[in-house]
Amino acid sequence: MKNALPATPRGNPAKRLTIAAFISVLAFVLSATASAGPITVELTADASRPAVNDLFRATVAAEATNDTPAELARNVNRLIGEALKTARAYPAVKTQSGSSSTQPVYSKSGKIEAWRMRSELTLESADMAHLSELLGKLQLTLAVSGLSMQPSPETRKKAENEAIVDAIAAFKARARIVADSLGKPYTIKQLAITTSGRITPPMMRAAAKSMSYESAPMPIEAGDTQISVTASGQIELP
């Protein structure tokens, strides 16, 4: 009688361990493949449109020095009162009182030897011609301490809307370049729009000098403001 070979015990631990390891590796590979997901690419595109500066703001000031604060205040207030009276003839110009301050003037020994007062008016208008004419008259007694210009809200909004359309079109054009280079379609995952404006400094042309004391309009060039829009976001490629 031939000797029988020993039977392999059911449920061999080594064999079960090998199968379990294979299943674990397979699960890891499948998980890694699934988690890879689509390709994400970040893009940015810019566009700008000019907006005409059609809103003007100016600051005029009366400034004087006197030994007596009361006399000083009377002189400065008189100048401001006359300026307000002149400005009332220009309803297209919005006029309001600005800041006013009085400061002591000290001598070398540290004692107060005089007083200096400054009082301001602010002017705002969409009518450049009327504001220019008014400033010319006010400059006979007051100093123009500030002048700024910018697009009105309506003008700025129109330029922004046009620049937004341009920026989105530029973003989509860049996305198409990336997708075509990889031979894949794309979808926009995220998109953000930001706006900014670079104001052109106001130009005040020098007026011809005259020996008379008659006023002349203050020459101004409005210029424009570049309204910039940035479209930034992410696209996905499968």
Protein backbone atom coordinates (compact mmCIF):
# COMPACT_ATOMS: atom_id res chain seq x y z
CA MET A 1 0.00 0.00 0.00
CA LYS A 2 1.38 3.27 -1.13
CA ASN A 3 1.90 5.98 1.42
CA ALA A 4 -0.64 8.78 0.93
CA LEU A 5 0.62 12.35 0.63
CA PRO A 6 -0.32 14.58 3.53
CA ALA A 7 -3.38 16.64 2.77
CA THR A 8 -3.00 20.45 2.62
CA PRO A 9 -4.84 21.82 5.55
CA ARG A 10 -7.78 23.95 4.63
CA GLY A 11 -7.44 27.63 5.30
CA ASN A 12 -3.66 27.79 5.02
CA PRO A 13 -2.63 31.02 6.86
CA ALA A 14 0.15 31.81 4.35
CA LYS A 15 -2.20 31.53 1.42
CA ARG A 16 -4.83 33.70 3.09
CA LEU A 17 -2.18 36.35 3.81
CA THR A 18 -1.09 36.44 0.16
CA ILE A 19 -4.65 36.92 -1.10
CA ALA A 20 -5.31 39.62 1.49
CA ALA A 21 -2.15 41.49 0.46
CA PHE A 22 -3.16 41.34 -3.22
CA ILE A 23 -6.61 42.71 -2.47
CA SER A 24 -5.10 45.51 -0.39
CA VAL A 25 -2.71 46.55 -3.18
CA LEU A 26 -5.50 46.44 -5.76
CA ALA A 27 -7.71 48.60 -3.57
CA PHE A 28 -4.91 51.13 -3.12
CA VAL A 29 -4.30 51.35 -6.90
CA LEU A 30 -8.00 51.80 -7.63
CA SER A 31 -8.27 54.46 -4.92
CA ALA A 32 -5.25 56.38 -6.22
CA THR A 33 -6.59 56.27 -9.77
CA ALA A 34 -10.00 57.52 -8.68
CA SER A 35 -8.58 60.32 -6.53
CA ALA A 36 -6.41 61.69 -9.35
CA GLY A 37 -9.47 63.47 -10.79
CA PRO A 38 -9.34 66.15 -13.49
CA ILE A 39 -6.42 68.49 -14.16
CA THR A 40 -6.86 71.97 -12.62
CA VAL A 41 -5.17 74.98 -14.24
CA GLU A 42 -5.12 78.52 -12.83
CA LEU A 43 -5.39 81.41 -15.31
CA THR A 44 -5.46 85.22 -15.25
CA ALA A 45 -6.46 87.67 -17.98
CA ASP A 46 -6.61 91.49 -17.99
CA ALA A 47 -8.49 94.11 -19.97
CA SER A 48 -8.96 97.88 -19.74
CA ARG A 49 -11.17 100.61 -21.16
CA PRO A 50 -10.77 104.41 -20.95
CA ALA A 51 -13.41 106.39 -19.07
CA VAL A 52 -13.66 110.14 -19.62
CA ASN A 53 -13.12 112.24 -16.49
CA ASP A 54 -16.41 114.11 -16.34
CA LEU A 55 -16.66 114.88 -12.62
CA PHE A 56 -14.44 117.62 -11.21
CA ARG A 57 -13.60 118.57 -7.62
CA ALA A 58 -11.57 121.55 -6.46
CA THR A 59 -10.54 123.00 -3.12
CA VAL A 60 -9.97 126.72 -2.65
CA ALA A 61 -8.64 128.29 0.52
CA ALA A 62 -8.35 131.67 2.21
CA GLU A 63 -5.25 131.99 4.36
CA ALA A 64 -3.95 135.00 6.29
CA THR A 65 -1.81 135.99 9.26
CA ASN A 66 -2.56 138.67 11.85
CA ASP A 67 -1.51 139.70 15.34
CA THR A 68 -5.10 139.64 16.58
CA PRO A 69 -7.17 136.43 16.26
CA ALA A 70 -10.45 138.36 16.05
CA GLU A 71 -9.23 140.59 13.23
CA LEU A 72 -7.76 137.58 11.49
CA ALA A 73 -11.07 135.72 11.63
CA ARG A 74 -12.95 138.73 10.25
CA ASN A 75 -10.61 138.98 7.27
CA VAL A 76 -10.70 135.29 6.42
CA ASN A 77 -14.46 134.98 6.93
CA ARG A 78 -15.01 138.00 4.69
CA LEU A 79 -13.02 136.34 1.89
CA ILE A 80 -14.96 133.10 2.28
CA GLY A 81 -18.28 134.96 2.36
CA GLU A 82 -17.42 136.79 -0.88
CA ALA A 83 -16.39 133.51 -2.50
CA LEU A 84 -19.70 131.87 -1.54
CA LYS A 85 -21.60 134.84 -2.97
CA THR A 86 -19.67 134.48 -6.24
CA ALA A 87 -20.27 130.73 -6.35
CA ARG A 88 -24.06 131.13 -5.99
CA ALA A 89 -24.12 132.52 -9.52
CA TYR A 90 -23.05 129.06 -10.76
CA PRO A 91 -25.86 126.60 -9.92
CA ALA A 92 -24.07 123.86 -11.87
CA VAL A 93 -21.29 123.94 -9.26
CA LYS A 94 -21.97 122.36 -5.87
CA THR A 95 -20.23 124.41 -3.16
CA GLN A 96 -19.81 123.59 0.50
CA SER A 97 -17.65 124.69 3.42
CA GLY A 98 -14.49 122.72 4.04
CA SER A 99 -12.07 122.58 6.94
CA SER A 100 -11.07 125.67 8.93
CA SER A 101 -8.21 126.03 11.40
CA THR A 102 -6.30 128.67 13.34
CA GLN A 103 -2.70 128.11 14.44
CA PRO A 104 -0.31 130.22 16.51
CA VAL A 105 2.91 131.50 14.97
CA TYR A 106 5.82 131.28 17.42
CA SER A 107 8.92 133.44 17.56
CA LYS A 108 12.41 132.04 18.01
CA SER A 109 12.05 132.53 21.76
CA GLY A 110 8.93 130.34 21.80
CA LYS A 111 6.39 133.12 22.32
CA ILE A 112 3.29 133.59 20.19
CA GLU A 113 3.92 136.52 17.88
CA ALA A 114 0.99 136.11 15.45
CA TRP A 115 -1.89 133.89 14.35
CA ARG A 116 -2.46 132.11 11.04
CA MET A 117 -5.90 131.04 9.87
CA ARG A 118 -6.92 128.88 6.91
CA SER A 119 -10.46 128.21 5.72
CA GLU A 120 -11.47 126.05 2.74
CA LEU A 121 -14.33 125.64 0.29
CA THR A 122 -14.90 122.53 -1.81
CA LEU A 123 -16.38 122.75 -5.29
CA GLU A 124 -17.82 119.89 -7.36
CA SER A 125 -19.32 119.94 -10.83
CA ALA A 126 -19.83 117.93 -13.99
CA ASP A 127 -19.64 121.17 -15.98
CA MET A 128 -15.95 121.80 -16.55
CA ALA A 129 -16.51 125.14 -18.31
CA HIS A 130 -18.51 126.64 -15.43
CA LEU A 131 -16.11 125.31 -12.80
CA SER A 132 -13.15 126.69 -14.74
CA GLU A 133 -14.79 130.10 -14.98
CA LEU A 134 -15.67 130.13 -11.28
CA LEU A 135 -12.15 129.11 -10.26
CA GLY A 136 -10.76 131.93 -12.37
CA LYS A 137 -12.83 134.44 -10.39
CA LEU A 138 -12.06 132.90 -7.00
CA GLN A 139 -8.33 132.92 -7.71
CA LEU A 140 -8.35 136.70 -7.41
CA THR A 141 -8.68 136.34 -3.63
CA LEU A 142 -8.30 132.62 -2.83
CA ALA A 143 -5.74 129.97 -3.62
CA VAL A 144 -6.60 126.71 -5.43
CA SER A 145 -5.10 124.11 -3.10
CA GLY A 146 -6.42 120.99 -4.80
CA LEU A 147 -7.96 119.82 -8.06
CA SER A 148 -9.03 116.28 -8.92
CA MET A 149 -11.08 114.72 -11.69
CA GLN A 150 -12.58 111.31 -12.21
CA PRO A 151 -15.33 109.56 -14.16
CA SER A 152 -18.85 110.03 -12.87
CA PRO A 153 -20.45 106.83 -11.47
CA GLU A 154 -22.43 106.31 -14.68
CA THR A 155 -19.39 106.78 -16.93
CA ARG A 156 -17.24 104.49 -14.79
CA LYS A 157 -19.89 101.76 -14.68
CA LYS A 158 -20.21 101.76 -18.49
CA ALA A 159 -16.43 101.41 -18.94
CA GLU A 160 -16.26 98.67 -16.28
CA ASN A 161 -18.99 96.64 -17.97
CA GLU A 162 -17.19 96.84 -21.31
CA ALA A 163 -13.86 95.89 -19.71
CA ILE A 164 -15.49 92.92 -17.93
CA VAL A 165 -16.70 91.53 -21.26
CA ASP A 166 -13.18 91.95 -22.69
CA ALA A 167 -11.51 90.32 -19.67
CA ILE A 168 -13.81 87.27 -19.74
CA ALA A 169 -13.23 86.86 -23.47
CA ALA A 170 -9.46 87.02 -22.86
CA PHE A 171 -9.78 84.43 -20.05
CA LYS A 172 -11.71 82.04 -22.30
CA ALA A 173 -9.15 82.51 -25.09
CA ARG A 174 -6.32 81.52 -22.74
CA ALA A 175 -8.30 78.57 -21.46
CA ARG A 176 -8.83 77.36 -25.03
CA ILE A 177 -5.08 77.63 -25.73
CA VAL A 178 -4.29 75.45 -22.70
CA ALA A 179 -7.01 72.91 -23.51
CA ASP A 180 -6.03 72.63 -27.19
CA SER A 181 -2.38 72.17 -26.25
CA LEU A 182 -3.33 69.18 -24.09
CA GLY A 183 -5.92 67.88 -26.53
CA LYS A 184 -8.72 68.06 -23.99
CA PRO A 185 -11.99 69.95 -23.47
CA TYR A 186 -12.28 72.29 -20.50
CA THR A 187 -14.82 73.64 -18.07
CA ILE A 188 -14.57 76.79 -15.95
CA LYS A 189 -14.45 75.74 -12.30
CA GLN A 190 -14.00 79.15 -10.68
CA LEU A 191 -13.94 82.76 -11.90
CA ALA A 192 -13.34 86.03 -10.01
CA ILE A 193 -13.61 89.57 -11.39
CA THR A 194 -11.73 92.53 -9.87
CA THR A 195 -11.68 96.14 -11.06
CA SER A 196 -9.38 99.11 -10.55
CA GLY A 197 -8.85 102.56 -12.01
CA ARG A 198 -5.72 104.55 -12.74
CA ILE A 199 -6.64 108.22 -12.71
CA THR A 200 -4.76 110.52 -15.05
CA PRO A 201 -3.33 113.50 -13.11
CA PRO A 202 -5.25 116.71 -13.85
CA MET A 203 -3.63 119.15 -16.25
CA MET A 204 -3.76 122.85 -15.42
CA ARG A 205 -2.46 124.84 -18.37
CA ALA A 206 -0.72 128.07 -17.52
CA ALA A 207 -2.79 131.09 -18.47
CA ALA A 208 -1.23 134.10 -20.15
CA LYS A 209 -0.11 136.74 -17.68
CA SER A 210 -2.01 140.01 -17.64
CA MET A 211 -1.40 143.34 -15.94
CA SER A 212 -5.15 143.72 -15.24
CA TYR A 213 -6.98 142.34 -12.24
CA GLU A 214 -9.78 140.85 -14.32
CA SER A 215 -10.42 137.16 -13.83
CA ALA A 216 -9.77 134.56 -16.52
CA PRO A 217 -11.09 130.99 -16.60
CA MET A 218 -8.72 128.46 -15.13
CA PRO A 219 -7.52 126.26 -18.05
CA ILE A 220 -8.12 122.56 -17.36
CA GLU A 221 -7.73 119.40 -19.44
CA ALA A 222 -9.96 116.58 -18.23
CA GLY A 223 -8.16 113.55 -19.66
CA ASP A 224 -9.44 110.07 -18.85
CA THR A 225 -9.10 107.21 -16.39
CA GLN A 226 -8.05 103.72 -17.41
CA ILE A 227 -10.54 101.26 -15.91
CA SER A 228 -8.81 97.87 -15.55
CA VAL A 229 -10.51 94.52 -14.99
CA THR A 230 -8.82 91.25 -14.05
CA ALA A 231 -10.48 87.88 -14.60
CA SER A 232 -8.81 85.12 -12.59
CA GLY A 233 -9.93 81.60 -11.88
CA GLN A 234 -9.51 77.87 -12.52
CA ILE A 235 -10.38 75.57 -15.36
CA GLU A 236 -10.69 71.78 -15.26
CA LEU A 237 -9.56 69.33 -17.91
CA PRO A 238 -10.67 65.70 -17.68
